[in-house]
Structure formats: C-alpha cells, structure tokens
C-alpha atoms as a PDB file:
ATOM      1  CA  UNK A   1    -107.376 -76.507 100.387  1.00  0.00           C
ATOM      2  CA  UNK A   2    -108.113 -73.411 101.981  1.00  0.00           C
ATOM      3  CA  UNK A   3    -110.276 -72.742 105.408  1.00  0.00           C
ATOM      4  CA  UNK A   4    -112.016 -69.677 105.241  1.00  0.00           C
ATOM      5  CA  UNK A   5    -115.127 -67.913 106.978  1.00  0.00           C
ATOM      6  CA  UNK A   6    -117.169 -65.732 104.258  1.00  0.00           C
ATOM      7  CA  UNK A   7    -117.585 -62.317 105.679  1.00  0.00           C
ATOM      8  CA  UNK A   8    -119.024 -60.482 102.715  1.00  0.00           C
ATOM      9  CA  UNK A   9    -120.518 -61.980  99.322  1.00  0.00           C
ATOM     10  CA  UNK A  10    -121.231 -60.058  96.081  1.00  0.00           C
ATOM     11  CA  UNK A  11    -120.145 -59.102  92.825  1.00  0.00           C
ATOM     12  CA  UNK A  12    -117.011 -57.380  91.231  1.00  0.00           C
ATOM     13  CA  UNK A  13    -116.858 -56.655  87.608  1.00  0.00           C
ATOM     14  CA  UNK A  14    -119.398 -59.201  86.963  1.00  0.00           C
ATOM     15  CA  UNK A  15    -117.868 -62.191  88.819  1.00  0.00           C
ATOM     16  CA  UNK A  16    -119.293 -63.430  92.302  1.00  0.00           C
ATOM     17  CA  UNK A  17    -116.524 -62.444  94.622  1.00  0.00           C
ATOM     18  CA  UNK A  18    -116.018 -63.129  98.468  1.00  0.00           C
ATOM     19  CA  UNK A  19    -114.048 -61.512 100.958  1.00  0.00           C
ATOM     20  CA  UNK A  20    -113.166 -64.290 103.494  1.00  0.00           C
ATOM     21  CA  UNK A  21    -111.063 -64.553 106.912  1.00  0.00           C
ATOM     22  CA  UNK A  22    -109.003 -67.435 105.957  1.00  0.00           C
ATOM     23  CA  UNK A  23    -107.953 -69.376 109.030  1.00  0.00           C
ATOM     24  CA  UNK A  24    -106.205 -72.444 107.590  1.00  0.00           C
ATOM     25  CA  UNK A  25    -104.784 -73.956 104.822  1.00  0.00           C
ATOM     26  CA  UNK A  26    -102.984 -73.253 101.597  1.00  0.00           C
ATOM     27  CA  UNK A  27    -102.426 -69.936 100.309  1.00  0.00           C
ATOM     28  CA  UNK A  28    -100.887 -68.970  96.704  1.00  0.00           C
ATOM     29  CA  UNK A  29     -97.394 -68.839  98.820  1.00  0.00           C
ATOM     30  CA  UNK A  30     -97.756 -71.910 100.766  1.00  0.00           C
ATOM     31  CA  UNK A  31     -99.104 -72.852 104.157  1.00  0.00           C
ATOM     32  CA  UNK A  32    -101.013 -70.134 105.737  1.00  0.00           C
ATOM     33  CA  UNK A  33     -99.100 -69.015 108.853  1.00  0.00           C
ATOM     34  CA  UNK A  34    -101.238 -66.711 110.659  1.00  0.00           C
ATOM     35  CA  UNK A  35    -105.193 -65.916 109.625  1.00  0.00           C
ATOM     36  CA  UNK A  36    -105.899 -63.245 106.985  1.00  0.00           C
ATOM     37  CA  UNK A  37    -108.035 -61.520 104.924  1.00  0.00           C
ATOM     38  CA  UNK A  38    -108.515 -62.754 101.421  1.00  0.00           C
ATOM     39  CA  UNK A  39    -110.418 -61.858  98.541  1.00  0.00           C
ATOM     40  CA  UNK A  40    -111.543 -64.818  96.292  1.00  0.00           C
ATOM     41  CA  UNK A  41    -113.586 -65.106  92.902  1.00  0.00           C
ATOM     42  CA  UNK A  42    -116.041 -67.863  93.390  1.00  0.00           C
ATOM     43  CA  UNK A  43    -115.740 -69.143  89.742  1.00  0.00           C
ATOM     44  CA  UNK A  44    -112.095 -69.971  90.346  1.00  0.00           C
ATOM     45  CA  UNK A  45    -112.976 -72.422  93.449  1.00  0.00           C
ATOM     46  CA  UNK A  46    -113.106 -75.863  93.257  1.00  0.00           C
ATOM     47  CA  UNK A  47    -113.401 -78.911  95.619  1.00  0.00           C
ATOM     48  CA  UNK A  48    -115.249 -76.899  97.995  1.00  0.00           C
ATOM     49  CA  UNK A  49    -116.460 -78.695 101.073  1.00  0.00           C
ATOM     50  CA  UNK A  50    -118.332 -77.456 104.166  1.00  0.00           C
ATOM     51  CA  UNK A  51    -116.894 -78.457 107.435  1.00  0.00           C
ATOM     52  CA  UNK A  52    -117.610 -78.391 111.240  1.00  0.00           C
ATOM     53  CA  UNK A  53    -116.112 -75.830 113.276  1.00  0.00           C
ATOM     54  CA  UNK A  54    -116.360 -72.472 115.064  1.00  0.00           C
ATOM     55  CA  UNK A  55    -116.915 -69.358 113.108  1.00  0.00           C
ATOM     56  CA  UNK A  56    -114.029 -67.329 113.262  1.00  0.00           C
ATOM     57  CA  UNK A  57    -114.124 -63.512 112.525  1.00  0.00           C
ATOM     58  CA  UNK A  58    -110.965 -61.057 111.318  1.00  0.00           C
ATOM     59  CA  UNK A  59    -109.845 -58.306 113.052  1.00  0.00           C
ATOM     60  CA  UNK A  60    -111.453 -54.875 112.167  1.00  0.00           C
ATOM     61  CA  UNK A  61    -110.293 -53.341 109.003  1.00  0.00           C
ATOM     62  CA  UNK A  62    -108.559 -49.487 109.322  1.00  0.00           C
ATOM     63  CA  UNK A  63    -109.598 -48.957 105.670  1.00  0.00           C
ATOM     64  CA  UNK A  64    -112.595 -49.602 103.711  1.00  0.00           C
ATOM     65  CA  UNK A  65    -112.700 -52.950 101.630  1.00  0.00           C
ATOM     66  CA  UNK A  66    -112.674 -52.986  97.871  1.00  0.00           C
ATOM     67  CA  UNK A  67    -112.928 -56.845  97.134  1.00  0.00           C
ATOM     68  CA  UNK A  68    -116.761 -56.660  96.695  1.00  0.00           C
ATOM     69  CA  UNK A  69    -118.082 -53.947  94.824  1.00  0.00           C
ATOM     70  CA  UNK A  70    -122.040 -54.638  94.874  1.00  0.00           C
ATOM     71  CA  UNK A  71    -122.417 -56.445  98.459  1.00  0.00           C
ATOM     72  CA  UNK A  72    -125.143 -59.029  98.362  1.00  0.00           C
ATOM     73  CA  UNK A  73    -124.526 -60.332 101.741  1.00  0.00           C
ATOM     74  CA  UNK A  74    -122.554 -59.151 104.732  1.00  0.00           C
ATOM     75  CA  UNK A  75    -122.453 -61.029 108.389  1.00  0.00           C
ATOM     76  CA  UNK A  76    -122.056 -57.392 109.875  1.00  0.00           C
ATOM     77  CA  UNK A  77    -125.440 -56.289 111.271  1.00  0.00           C
ATOM     78  CA  UNK A  78    -124.053 -52.466 110.788  1.00  0.00           C
ATOM     79  CA  UNK A  79    -122.739 -52.938 107.389  1.00  0.00           C
ATOM     80  CA  UNK A  80    -121.693 -49.647 106.020  1.00  0.00           C
ATOM     81  CA  UNK A  81    -121.960 -51.312 102.373  1.00  0.00           C
ATOM     82  CA  UNK A  82    -125.753 -51.042 101.978  1.00  0.00           C
ATOM     83  CA  UNK A  83    -126.070 -55.119 101.080  1.00  0.00           C
ATOM     84  CA  UNK A  84    -128.917 -56.527  99.636  1.00  0.00           C
ATOM     85  CA  UNK A  85    -129.464 -58.642 102.464  1.00  0.00           C
ATOM     86  CA  UNK A  86    -128.027 -58.783 106.236  1.00  0.00           C
ATOM     87  CA  UNK A  87    -127.243 -62.301 107.579  1.00  0.00           C
ATOM     88  CA  UNK A  88    -127.485 -60.599 110.971  1.00  0.00           C
ATOM     89  CA  UNK A  89    -131.143 -59.886 110.289  1.00  0.00           C
ATOM     90  CA  UNK A  90    -131.699 -63.699 109.391  1.00  0.00           C
ATOM     91  CA  UNK A  91    -130.668 -64.931 112.776  1.00  0.00           C
ATOM     92  CA  UNK A  92    -133.142 -67.281 114.111  1.00  0.00           C
ATOM     93  CA  UNK A  93    -135.297 -67.476 110.667  1.00  0.00           C
ATOM     94  CA  UNK A  94    -135.167 -69.582 107.960  1.00  0.00           C
ATOM     95  CA  UNK A  95    -133.022 -68.452 105.232  1.00  0.00           C
ATOM     96  CA  UNK A  96    -134.915 -67.584 102.028  1.00  0.00           C
ATOM     97  CA  UNK A  97    -133.767 -69.299  98.774  1.00  0.00           C
ATOM     98  CA  UNK A  98    -132.795 -66.790  96.013  1.00  0.00           C
ATOM     99  CA  UNK A  99    -135.247 -67.449  92.714  1.00  0.00           C
END
C-alpha cells in the first residue's frame, strides 16, 4: 500500500493520471525511505482507501512536471498548467460534482 497526497489530477494519453507526493508505504522497489514524487495511472490502482492525517506537500520542482498532460485539477492556486479547475479556488466552498 502507498500513502500519497495527490497534487495534480488529469489525463495522459487518454489515461487518468495523478502526480502525487508519496509520503509512506510501498514502492516498486520496496518500502519508501524518503518522500518522493510519483506519477500514477489511476486505472492500475486497487484497494484504495482514504485515511485521516495531515496533508503533505512535496518540495518545489526545478523543472516542469511531465506526468499529467491534460491537467484537470491542481492544488496549487497559481498553477502554471492552466487546469480546468483549481482546488485552491474551491477552498471554503462545496465541491461541485462532475456530470
């Protein structure tokens, strides 16, 4: 099981994709030693659970992310990726459901 904090959600090559800050759990190489950025295909995830805990954000990038090509959500209020929606804009408001 991985413990992650999603940062950017969207699509790449037609697949739902997330750029996440992994803070704990397993990686493809064994137990995570230090938090790190990961690019995950959501269709390959199983046994997903929500958990209580504080949100953790990764350190800043020195280069642009290439994980998510079409950005739907970005937690960064001043996202350079022109997301369709900004989670920063939704603070304090009910989250609308996509239809």
